[in-house]
Amino acid sequence: MTAATEDRLDATFAALANSTRRGMLARLAQGEATVNELAEPFSLSLPAISKHLKVLEKAGLVVRGQQAQYRPRTLDAAPLREVSSWAEQYRPVWEARLNRMDSYLQELQRDEEDA
């Protein structure tokens, strides 16, 4: 994995670490929105919302458009695909562990039934 890819993953995970930013992304998954529309469900000041948006923009998750004075934000899912690809490499490990746990639980259940 290249240093640039690692930096992008770090920025994406940092952006996703905050529930307000995840909420903003969930809203943007429904379509573009203004800063005021994104701020609506949160009890935060507009400067605080803007700071969250800057984190999302720096991570590449949000893109700022411009239509005259109207600057809608949209979701860019490319960084999320990178996270998904990164996590996918661990799927065999998780599946193997879950399979072992399932076997162990079945063994415990059989032992309990025999007792």
Protein backbone atom coordinates (compact mmCIF):
# COMPACT_ATOMS: atom_id res chain seq x y z
CA MET A 1 0.00 0.00 0.00
CA THR A 2 1.43 3.37 -0.96
CA ALA A 3 1.94 6.25 1.45
CA ALA A 4 -0.64 8.30 -0.46
CA THR A 5 -3.23 5.54 -0.09
CA GLU A 6 -2.46 5.25 3.62
CA ASP A 7 -2.84 9.03 4.02
CA ARG A 8 -6.22 8.93 2.25
CA LEU A 9 -7.38 6.06 4.46
CA ASP A 10 -6.23 7.94 7.58
CA ALA A 11 -8.17 11.04 6.51
CA THR A 12 -11.26 8.99 5.67
CA PHE A 13 -11.24 7.10 8.97
CA ALA A 14 -10.66 10.35 10.88
CA ALA A 15 -13.63 11.94 9.11
CA LEU A 16 -15.84 8.91 9.78
CA ALA A 17 -14.88 8.85 13.47
CA ASN A 18 -17.38 11.61 14.30
CA SER A 19 -21.13 10.94 14.48
CA THR A 20 -22.03 14.42 13.21
CA ARG A 21 -19.95 13.90 10.09
CA ARG A 22 -21.43 10.43 9.57
CA GLY A 23 -24.87 12.02 9.86
CA MET A 24 -23.94 14.60 7.24
CA LEU A 25 -22.75 11.85 4.91
CA ALA A 26 -26.00 9.95 5.45
CA ARG A 27 -27.92 13.08 4.46
CA LEU A 28 -25.71 13.62 1.40
CA ALA A 29 -26.29 10.01 0.35
CA GLN A 30 -29.88 11.15 -0.34
CA GLY A 31 -28.72 13.99 -2.60
CA GLU A 32 -26.98 17.34 -2.60
CA ALA A 33 -27.58 19.76 0.27
CA THR A 34 -26.68 23.25 1.39
CA VAL A 35 -24.78 23.97 4.59
CA ASN A 36 -28.05 25.07 6.23
CA GLU A 37 -29.77 21.84 5.19
CA LEU A 38 -26.87 19.81 6.57
CA ALA A 39 -26.91 21.80 9.82
CA GLU A 40 -30.65 21.43 10.36
CA PRO A 41 -30.72 18.19 12.40
CA PHE A 42 -27.80 19.21 14.62
CA SER A 43 -27.73 21.61 17.53
CA LEU A 44 -24.43 23.11 16.40
CA SER A 45 -23.47 26.56 15.22
CA LEU A 46 -22.89 27.15 11.52
CA PRO A 47 -19.15 27.69 12.14
CA ALA A 48 -19.01 24.25 13.82
CA ILE A 49 -20.89 22.69 10.90
CA SER A 50 -18.44 24.37 8.51
CA LYS A 51 -15.50 22.86 10.40
CA HIS A 52 -17.06 19.41 10.07
CA LEU A 53 -17.60 19.99 6.36
CA LYS A 54 -13.96 21.02 5.92
CA VAL A 55 -12.86 17.71 7.47
CA LEU A 56 -15.17 15.83 5.10
CA GLU A 57 -13.94 17.86 2.12
CA LYS A 58 -10.28 17.32 3.06
CA ALA A 59 -10.95 13.57 3.19
CA GLY A 60 -12.51 13.79 -0.27
CA LEU A 61 -15.89 12.58 0.97
CA VAL A 62 -17.71 15.82 0.18
CA VAL A 63 -17.45 18.01 -2.88
CA ARG A 64 -18.52 21.65 -2.92
CA GLY A 65 -20.40 22.73 -6.01
CA GLN A 66 -21.07 26.24 -7.18
CA GLN A 67 -24.16 27.48 -8.93
CA ALA A 68 -24.11 31.29 -8.64
CA GLN A 69 -24.28 31.98 -4.89
CA TYR A 70 -25.67 28.52 -4.20
CA ARG A 71 -22.91 26.10 -3.10
CA PRO A 72 -24.45 22.67 -2.64
CA ARG A 73 -22.40 19.84 -1.16
CA THR A 74 -22.46 16.37 -2.67
CA LEU A 75 -21.13 13.01 -1.56
CA ASP A 76 -18.11 11.48 -3.26
CA ALA A 77 -18.08 7.78 -2.42
CA ALA A 78 -14.59 7.07 -3.81
CA PRO A 79 -12.89 7.24 -0.38
CA LEU A 80 -15.52 4.87 1.00
CA ARG A 81 -14.68 2.39 -1.76
CA GLU A 82 -11.04 2.58 -0.68
CA VAL A 83 -12.08 1.79 2.91
CA SER A 84 -14.18 -1.11 1.66
CA SER A 85 -11.28 -2.48 -0.39
CA TRP A 86 -8.94 -2.15 2.57
CA ALA A 87 -11.38 -3.93 4.90
CA GLU A 88 -12.08 -6.65 2.33
CA GLN A 89 -8.55 -8.00 2.68
CA TYR A 90 -9.42 -8.97 6.26
CA ARG A 91 -12.62 -10.85 5.34
CA PRO A 92 -10.94 -14.31 5.27
CA VAL A 93 -9.56 -13.73 8.78
CA TRP A 94 -12.95 -12.63 10.16
CA GLU A 95 -14.77 -15.49 8.45
CA ALA A 96 -12.29 -18.06 9.77
CA ARG A 97 -12.64 -16.72 13.31
CA LEU A 98 -16.42 -16.66 13.09
CA ASN A 99 -16.44 -20.21 11.74
CA ARG A 100 -14.24 -21.36 14.65
CA MET A 101 -16.51 -19.59 17.12
CA ASP A 102 -19.59 -21.17 15.53
CA SER A 103 -17.99 -24.63 15.78
CA TYR A 104 -17.08 -23.99 19.41
CA LEU A 105 -20.60 -22.82 20.27
CA GLN A 106 -22.10 -25.88 18.59
CA GLU A 107 -19.71 -28.08 20.57
CA LEU A 108 -20.76 -26.37 23.83
CA GLN A 109 -24.40 -26.83 22.94
CA ARG A 110 -23.87 -30.55 22.25
CA ASP A 111 -22.00 -30.94 25.54
CA GLU A 112 -24.84 -29.16 27.37
CA GLU A 113 -27.44 -31.39 25.71
CA ASP A 114 -25.44 -34.55 26.62
CA ALA A 115 -25.15 -33.47 30.27
